[in-house]
Amino acid sequence: MLLDPMGKVLFMEICKRLRDNKWTVDDHQFYKDEDVTEAVFALPDYLVEREDNPEFEKDIAVVKYEGDPGKMKENQIDGVLLKFYTKRLKALDLHESISELKMFQRKNNATTVEFFIDRVFADEEVQEWFDKLFSQLDAQMTDIYGDEIKEIPIVLLPKRLHDLPLHTT
């Protein structure tokens, strides 16, 4: 799959929908002196403080370009990985609805639920998977936030996210 534009569109669309659920990107990794091929998402501070659950303080999801770093520099990737951490999903009561979605699911175990997409965003099956996943996630996150959802700001995606993958060599 071409990294740019096909892979980037898929990667960014997934990131935008996670952001729309008020999840935030940890952008500290974008400034390290190492290759960066992923965006790590956490729950908003508001939810972490309200729920007082140590699981909520940890990363909940990762969106990652998969493939050989050398080929990425040549605009080729294998696909995009969306990984959710099982403990956080269970703490939020999201595990069942996300893990039962079998399309593009690569792994479902005690640690992670992973989806690997190696097709373009416009692909009919990708659209079906995307709609099913995010309609479930959107509805459940709205229930979790309750009426306060309007007060929780949507944090903009970091500008450097668009520049991924970052290579130091």
Protein backbone atom coordinates (compact mmCIF):
# COMPACT_ATOMS: atom_id res chain seq x y z
CA MET A 1 0.00 0.00 0.00
CA LEU A 2 1.24 3.49 -0.73
CA LEU A 3 2.08 5.37 2.45
CA ASP A 4 1.13 8.70 0.90
CA PRO A 5 -1.70 9.30 0.21
CA MET A 6 -3.51 5.97 0.84
CA GLY A 7 -1.97 5.00 4.19
CA LYS A 8 -1.98 8.54 5.54
CA VAL A 9 -5.69 9.01 4.81
CA LEU A 10 -6.58 5.79 6.66
CA PHE A 11 -4.24 6.61 9.55
CA MET A 12 -5.55 10.16 9.94
CA GLU A 13 -9.23 9.16 9.67
CA ILE A 14 -8.79 6.67 12.52
CA CYS A 15 -6.94 9.29 14.59
CA LYS A 16 -9.67 11.88 13.96
CA ARG A 17 -12.40 9.55 15.17
CA LEU A 18 -10.47 8.69 18.33
CA ARG A 19 -9.98 12.43 18.88
CA ASP A 20 -13.71 13.01 18.35
CA ASN A 21 -14.24 10.76 21.38
CA LYS A 22 -12.10 13.22 23.36
CA TRP A 23 -9.09 10.88 23.41
CA THR A 24 -5.75 12.68 23.26
CA VAL A 25 -2.45 11.95 21.51
CA ASP A 26 0.70 11.76 23.57
CA ASP A 27 2.94 13.91 21.39
CA HIS A 28 6.07 13.65 23.56
CA GLN A 29 7.31 10.74 21.46
CA PHE A 30 7.32 12.92 18.33
CA TYR A 31 10.30 14.84 19.67
CA LYS A 32 12.53 11.92 20.60
CA ASP A 33 15.60 11.19 18.54
CA GLU A 34 14.24 7.92 17.16
CA ASP A 35 11.96 6.63 14.42
CA VAL A 36 8.28 7.19 15.20
CA THR A 37 5.59 5.27 13.31
CA GLU A 38 2.69 5.46 15.75
CA ALA A 39 0.34 7.71 17.68
CA VAL A 40 -0.45 6.73 21.26
CA PHE A 41 -3.85 7.75 22.64
CA ALA A 42 -4.96 8.34 26.22
CA LEU A 43 -8.28 9.19 27.81
CA PRO A 44 -9.01 12.85 28.60
CA ASP A 45 -7.85 14.21 31.97
CA TYR A 46 -11.45 14.94 32.86
CA LEU A 47 -12.41 11.25 32.77
CA VAL A 48 -9.23 10.14 34.52
CA GLU A 49 -9.89 12.57 37.38
CA ARG A 50 -13.62 11.83 37.62
CA GLU A 51 -13.33 8.04 37.69
CA ASP A 52 -10.23 7.73 39.88
CA ASN A 53 -9.34 4.41 38.22
CA PRO A 54 -5.59 3.81 37.74
CA GLU A 55 -6.31 1.95 34.47
CA PHE A 56 -7.63 5.19 32.97
CA GLU A 57 -4.25 6.86 33.45
CA LYS A 58 -2.60 4.49 31.00
CA ASP A 59 -2.61 4.48 27.20
CA ILE A 60 -5.83 3.14 25.73
CA ALA A 61 -5.01 2.80 22.03
CA VAL A 62 -2.27 3.02 19.41
CA VAL A 63 -2.56 3.79 15.70
CA LYS A 64 0.54 2.63 13.85
CA TYR A 65 1.99 2.40 10.37
CA GLU A 66 3.16 -1.18 9.85
CA GLY A 67 5.91 -2.23 7.52
CA ASP A 68 9.62 -2.17 6.92
CA PRO A 69 11.16 1.23 7.86
CA GLY A 70 13.28 1.17 4.71
CA LYS A 71 10.20 0.68 2.55
CA MET A 72 8.36 3.43 4.44
CA LYS A 73 11.02 5.83 3.25
CA GLU A 74 10.13 4.68 -0.27
CA ASN A 75 6.43 5.41 0.33
CA GLN A 76 5.39 1.77 0.96
CA ILE A 77 3.68 0.33 4.05
CA ASP A 78 2.05 -3.01 4.80
CA GLY A 79 -0.96 -1.32 6.36
CA VAL A 80 -2.26 0.47 9.44
CA LEU A 81 -2.67 -1.15 12.86
CA LEU A 82 -5.24 -0.04 15.43
CA LYS A 83 -4.47 -1.55 18.83
CA PHE A 84 -6.65 -1.23 21.93
CA TYR A 85 -5.46 -2.27 25.38
CA THR A 86 -7.77 -4.91 26.85
CA LYS A 87 -7.60 -3.81 30.52
CA ARG A 88 -8.61 -0.25 29.64
CA LEU A 89 -11.43 -1.48 27.38
CA LYS A 90 -12.75 -3.68 30.17
CA ALA A 91 -12.50 -0.85 32.71
CA LEU A 92 -14.68 1.26 30.38
CA ASP A 93 -17.03 -1.63 29.48
CA LEU A 94 -15.96 -1.30 25.84
CA HIS A 95 -14.20 -4.64 25.45
CA GLU A 96 -17.17 -6.75 24.38
CA SER A 97 -18.44 -4.41 21.68
CA ILE A 98 -14.98 -3.80 20.21
CA SER A 99 -13.70 -7.37 20.43
CA GLU A 100 -16.82 -8.83 18.80
CA LEU A 101 -16.08 -6.89 15.60
CA LYS A 102 -14.20 -9.55 13.61
CA MET A 103 -13.53 -7.64 10.37
CA PHE A 104 -9.79 -6.92 10.09
CA GLN A 105 -9.25 -8.26 13.61
CA ARG A 106 -5.76 -9.72 13.89
CA LYS A 107 -5.49 -10.35 17.62
CA ASN A 108 -7.79 -10.55 20.61
CA ASN A 109 -6.19 -11.70 23.84
CA ALA A 110 -5.73 -10.72 27.48
CA THR A 111 -3.46 -7.82 26.52
CA THR A 112 -4.75 -6.28 23.28
CA VAL A 113 -7.43 -6.22 20.62
CA GLU A 114 -5.79 -5.43 17.28
CA PHE A 115 -7.15 -4.55 13.87
CA PHE A 116 -4.88 -4.54 10.82
CA ILE A 117 -6.09 -2.75 7.70
CA ASP A 118 -4.16 -3.20 4.47
CA ARG A 119 -6.66 -1.58 2.15
CA VAL A 120 -7.45 2.01 1.26
CA PHE A 121 -9.91 3.99 3.38
CA ALA A 122 -12.40 4.22 0.49
CA ASP A 123 -12.64 0.40 0.24
CA GLU A 124 -16.20 -0.79 0.91
CA GLU A 125 -15.19 -3.30 3.60
CA VAL A 126 -12.95 -0.75 5.31
CA GLN A 127 -15.87 1.70 5.36
CA GLU A 128 -18.15 -0.97 6.84
CA TRP A 129 -15.57 -1.83 9.54
CA PHE A 130 -14.94 1.86 10.27
CA ASP A 131 -18.66 2.63 10.59
CA LYS A 132 -19.35 -0.36 12.84
CA LEU A 133 -16.38 0.26 15.11
CA PHE A 134 -16.88 3.97 15.56
CA SER A 135 -20.67 3.94 15.82
CA GLN A 136 -20.26 1.53 18.77
CA LEU A 137 -17.39 3.48 20.29
CA ASP A 138 -19.06 6.88 19.82
CA ALA A 139 -22.31 5.74 21.45
CA GLN A 140 -20.61 4.09 24.40
CA MET A 141 -18.22 6.97 25.05
CA THR A 142 -21.17 9.40 24.96
CA ASP A 143 -22.87 7.26 27.63
CA ILE A 144 -19.68 7.20 29.73
CA TYR A 145 -19.21 10.97 29.60
CA GLY A 146 -22.87 11.70 30.23
CA ASP A 147 -24.07 15.29 30.12
CA GLU A 148 -20.53 16.54 30.70
CA ILE A 149 -19.57 15.54 27.16
CA LYS A 150 -20.30 19.09 25.99
CA GLU A 151 -17.84 20.51 28.52
CA ILE A 152 -14.91 18.26 27.64
CA PRO A 153 -12.83 20.01 24.98
CA ILE A 154 -11.75 18.20 21.86
CA VAL A 155 -7.98 18.54 21.80
CA LEU A 156 -6.55 19.22 18.38
CA LEU A 157 -4.40 16.53 16.85
CA PRO A 158 -0.71 17.49 16.99
CA LYS A 159 0.65 18.97 13.78
CA ARG A 160 3.51 16.46 13.79
CA LEU A 161 0.99 13.62 13.56
CA HIS A 162 0.55 14.50 9.88
CA ASP A 163 4.31 14.08 9.40
CA LEU A 164 4.44 10.48 10.61
CA PRO A 165 6.29 8.25 10.06
CA LEU A 166 9.30 10.20 11.35
CA HIS A 167 12.73 8.82 10.55
CA THR A 168 16.01 9.84 12.19
CA THR A 169 18.25 8.30 9.54
